[in-house]
Amino acid sequence: MQLLYFGWVRTKVGRDRESLDLPAGVTDVRGLVEHLRARGRGYADALDDLTLVRVAVNQEIAALDQPVKAGDEVALFPPMTGG
């Protein structure tokens, strides 16, 4: 699984991307986020308030109950505005 971090999420996590073997028992975005939060303070700070974080799985915006599997690309980023 490839994880991509953008904006202030990247700053708090301290990297822009990483590879991760899908942890046992993680089947959806919510489980993945919970796993990441447990990895350390930067992850916990970045993912503390999920109303401030958007997730995309394989370049499609995803809800917390979206399934994830090995080989997926998961991006975590702040909400964006544009015009």
Protein backbone atom coordinates (compact mmCIF):
# COMPACT_ATOMS: atom_id res chain seq x y z
CA MET A 1 0.00 0.00 0.00
CA GLN A 2 1.25 3.48 -0.84
CA LEU A 3 0.38 6.31 1.52
CA LEU A 4 0.60 9.91 0.30
CA TYR A 5 0.42 12.96 2.57
CA PHE A 6 -0.31 16.51 1.43
CA GLY A 7 -0.42 20.01 2.96
CA TRP A 8 -0.22 20.33 6.72
CA VAL A 9 -0.87 16.57 7.06
CA ARG A 10 2.52 16.03 5.37
CA THR A 11 4.13 18.57 7.69
CA LYS A 12 2.80 16.91 10.86
CA VAL A 13 3.60 13.37 9.69
CA GLY A 14 7.07 14.44 8.58
CA ARG A 15 7.06 12.80 5.14
CA ASP A 16 5.25 13.05 1.85
CA ARG A 17 4.84 9.32 1.16
CA GLU A 18 5.57 5.86 2.48
CA SER A 19 4.95 2.22 1.69
CA LEU A 20 3.05 0.18 4.25
CA ASP A 21 2.12 -3.47 4.41
CA LEU A 22 -1.60 -3.54 5.15
CA PRO A 23 -1.81 -4.37 8.87
CA ALA A 24 -3.74 -7.49 9.88
CA GLY A 25 -7.33 -6.65 10.70
CA VAL A 26 -7.37 -3.34 8.80
CA THR A 27 -10.14 -3.51 6.21
CA ASP A 28 -11.29 0.08 5.73
CA VAL A 29 -10.12 3.70 5.85
CA ARG A 30 -11.20 4.09 9.49
CA GLY A 31 -9.07 1.10 10.55
CA LEU A 32 -6.12 2.43 8.58
CA VAL A 33 -6.41 5.85 10.21
CA GLU A 34 -6.60 4.27 13.67
CA HIS A 35 -3.48 2.23 12.87
CA LEU A 36 -1.64 5.35 11.69
CA ARG A 37 -2.65 7.36 14.77
CA ALA A 38 -1.02 4.71 16.96
CA ARG A 39 2.31 5.07 15.10
CA GLY A 40 3.35 8.24 16.89
CA ARG A 41 2.67 11.81 17.82
CA GLY A 42 2.97 13.29 14.32
CA TYR A 43 0.39 10.87 12.95
CA ALA A 44 -1.86 11.32 15.98
CA ASP A 45 -1.71 15.12 15.64
CA ALA A 46 -2.36 15.04 11.90
CA LEU A 47 -5.28 12.61 12.15
CA ASP A 48 -6.81 13.75 15.45
CA ASP A 49 -9.81 15.53 13.91
CA LEU A 50 -11.04 13.70 10.83
CA THR A 51 -13.42 16.54 9.98
CA LEU A 52 -10.23 18.36 8.92
CA VAL A 53 -8.77 15.54 6.80
CA ARG A 54 -9.88 14.19 3.45
CA VAL A 55 -8.97 10.72 2.18
CA ALA A 56 -8.73 9.37 -1.34
CA VAL A 57 -8.33 5.70 -2.21
CA ASN A 58 -6.90 5.10 -5.66
CA GLN A 59 -7.50 8.79 -6.51
CA GLU A 60 -11.19 8.73 -5.56
CA ILE A 61 -12.50 10.62 -2.52
CA ALA A 62 -13.36 8.03 0.11
CA ALA A 63 -15.48 7.81 3.24
CA LEU A 64 -14.22 6.22 6.44
CA ASP A 65 -16.04 2.98 5.66
CA GLN A 66 -14.38 2.64 2.23
CA PRO A 67 -12.63 -0.74 2.01
CA VAL A 68 -8.85 -0.78 1.57
CA LYS A 69 -6.64 -3.61 0.39
CA ALA A 70 -3.00 -4.33 -0.29
CA GLY A 71 -1.80 -2.45 -3.35
CA ASP A 72 -4.11 0.54 -2.86
CA GLU A 73 -2.88 4.12 -2.97
CA VAL A 74 -4.28 6.13 -0.06
CA ALA A 75 -3.88 9.90 0.10
CA LEU A 76 -4.55 12.00 3.19
CA PHE A 77 -4.87 15.77 2.81
CA PRO A 78 -6.58 18.85 4.22
CA PRO A 79 -9.82 20.08 2.67
CA MET A 80 -9.20 22.37 -0.27
CA THR A 81 -11.00 25.34 -1.66
CA GLY A 82 -10.75 26.62 -5.15
CA GLY A 83 -12.41 28.62 -7.75
